[in-house]
C-alpha cells in the first residue's frame, strides 16, 4: 500500500456501509489531507472517489488487573477516512487476505 493508506478498516458497520452506500473506511497517515487520501485510493483501487470524510479517533484508556499490580495505559490514536465511491463501482478489500 501507499504511504498515505495504512490499512483498510474491516468491521461489520463498514462492510454494511460498503454494500449499501459505497463507503469504505481506511486508517490513514495523521499528516495526510483529503486530496492526498482521494488520490491514493483512486490510484490503489482504480475507482472514482466522490467524497472523503476524515476524523481523528482518540485512543481508549485501558486498565489491566494483575496479581501484583494494576496496570494503566491507553491505545494509540489514529486518523480515519471514510471514502465514498462513485455509484456502480466497488472496492474489493477481501482479495488481499
Protein backbone atom coordinates (compact mmCIF):
# COMPACT_ATOMS: atom_id res chain seq x y z
CA UNK A 1 0.00 0.00 0.00
CA UNK A 2 1.00 3.61 -0.22
CA UNK A 3 2.44 5.89 2.45
CA UNK A 4 -0.99 7.55 2.90
CA UNK A 5 -3.20 4.46 3.34
CA UNK A 6 -2.08 2.38 6.32
CA UNK A 7 -4.81 -0.29 6.27
CA UNK A 8 -8.50 -0.75 5.45
CA UNK A 9 -10.98 -0.86 8.32
CA UNK A 10 -12.97 -4.07 8.04
CA UNK A 11 -15.81 -4.14 10.59
CA UNK A 12 -19.47 -5.09 10.42
CA UNK A 13 -20.50 -1.45 10.26
CA UNK A 14 -18.06 -0.54 7.47
CA UNK A 15 -18.99 -3.68 5.49
CA UNK A 16 -22.67 -2.71 5.67
CA UNK A 17 -21.89 0.85 4.54
CA UNK A 18 -19.80 -0.51 1.68
CA UNK A 19 -22.67 -2.65 0.44
CA UNK A 20 -25.44 -0.05 0.83
CA UNK A 21 -23.81 3.36 0.38
CA UNK A 22 -20.47 2.65 -1.39
CA UNK A 23 -18.50 3.94 1.63
CA UNK A 24 -15.24 2.36 2.75
CA UNK A 25 -13.07 3.08 5.79
CA UNK A 26 -9.29 3.37 5.90
CA UNK A 27 -6.74 4.12 8.57
CA UNK A 28 -4.56 6.85 7.08
CA UNK A 29 -1.43 8.80 7.99
CA UNK A 30 -2.09 11.56 10.51
CA UNK A 31 -0.47 14.27 8.39
CA UNK A 32 -2.43 13.43 5.21
CA UNK A 33 -5.22 15.63 3.87
CA UNK A 34 -8.41 14.84 1.92
CA UNK A 35 -6.87 15.49 -1.50
CA UNK A 36 -3.95 13.13 -0.81
CA UNK A 37 -6.31 10.45 0.52
CA UNK A 38 -8.53 10.74 -2.56
CA UNK A 39 -5.56 10.40 -4.93
CA UNK A 40 -4.13 7.44 -3.00
CA UNK A 41 -7.42 5.50 -3.01
CA UNK A 42 -8.04 6.19 -6.71
CA UNK A 43 -4.52 5.04 -7.58
CA UNK A 44 -4.55 1.95 -5.32
CA UNK A 45 -8.02 0.59 -6.11
CA UNK A 46 -8.77 2.07 -9.59
CA UNK A 47 -12.10 3.66 -8.58
CA UNK A 48 -13.57 7.17 -8.76
CA UNK A 49 -13.83 8.82 -5.33
CA UNK A 50 -16.74 11.26 -4.89
CA UNK A 51 -16.18 12.23 -1.26
CA UNK A 52 -13.76 11.93 1.65
CA UNK A 53 -14.56 12.46 5.33
CA UNK A 54 -11.79 12.36 7.93
CA UNK A 55 -11.66 12.14 11.70
CA UNK A 56 -9.11 11.66 14.46
CA UNK A 57 -10.03 8.68 16.63
CA UNK A 58 -8.80 9.22 20.19
CA UNK A 59 -7.08 6.29 21.92
CA UNK A 60 -9.01 4.44 24.63
CA UNK A 61 -7.86 4.13 28.24
CA UNK A 62 -7.13 0.54 29.25
CA UNK A 63 -6.78 -0.96 32.72
CA UNK A 64 -5.47 -4.46 33.39
CA UNK A 65 -5.54 -6.15 36.79
CA UNK A 66 -2.65 -8.50 37.57
CA UNK A 67 -1.68 -10.44 40.70
CA UNK A 68 0.70 -7.77 41.93
CA UNK A 69 -0.39 -4.52 40.35
CA UNK A 70 -2.94 -2.54 38.39
CA UNK A 71 -1.53 -1.54 35.02
CA UNK A 72 -2.99 1.52 33.31
CA UNK A 73 -2.32 2.69 29.78
CA UNK A 74 -4.01 3.69 26.56
CA UNK A 75 -4.22 2.65 22.93
CA UNK A 76 -2.81 4.84 20.19
CA UNK A 77 -4.94 7.46 18.46
CA UNK A 78 -5.21 7.35 14.67
CA UNK A 79 -6.75 9.16 11.72
CA UNK A 80 -9.67 7.50 9.94
CA UNK A 81 -11.01 8.34 6.49
CA UNK A 82 -14.46 7.38 5.17
CA UNK A 83 -14.27 7.32 1.36
CA UNK A 84 -17.38 7.44 -0.83
CA UNK A 85 -17.02 5.76 -4.23
CA UNK A 86 -18.97 6.53 -7.41
CA UNK A 87 -22.21 4.57 -7.82
CA UNK A 88 -21.66 1.31 -9.69
CA UNK A 89 -18.04 0.92 -8.58
CA UNK A 90 -16.78 -1.10 -5.62
CA UNK A 91 -13.58 -1.80 -3.73
CA UNK A 92 -12.75 -5.46 -3.07
CA UNK A 93 -10.98 -5.38 0.30
CA UNK A 94 -11.02 -9.17 0.72
CA UNK A 95 -8.92 -10.06 -2.34
CA UNK A 96 -5.64 -9.40 -0.49
CA UNK A 97 -6.47 -11.61 2.50
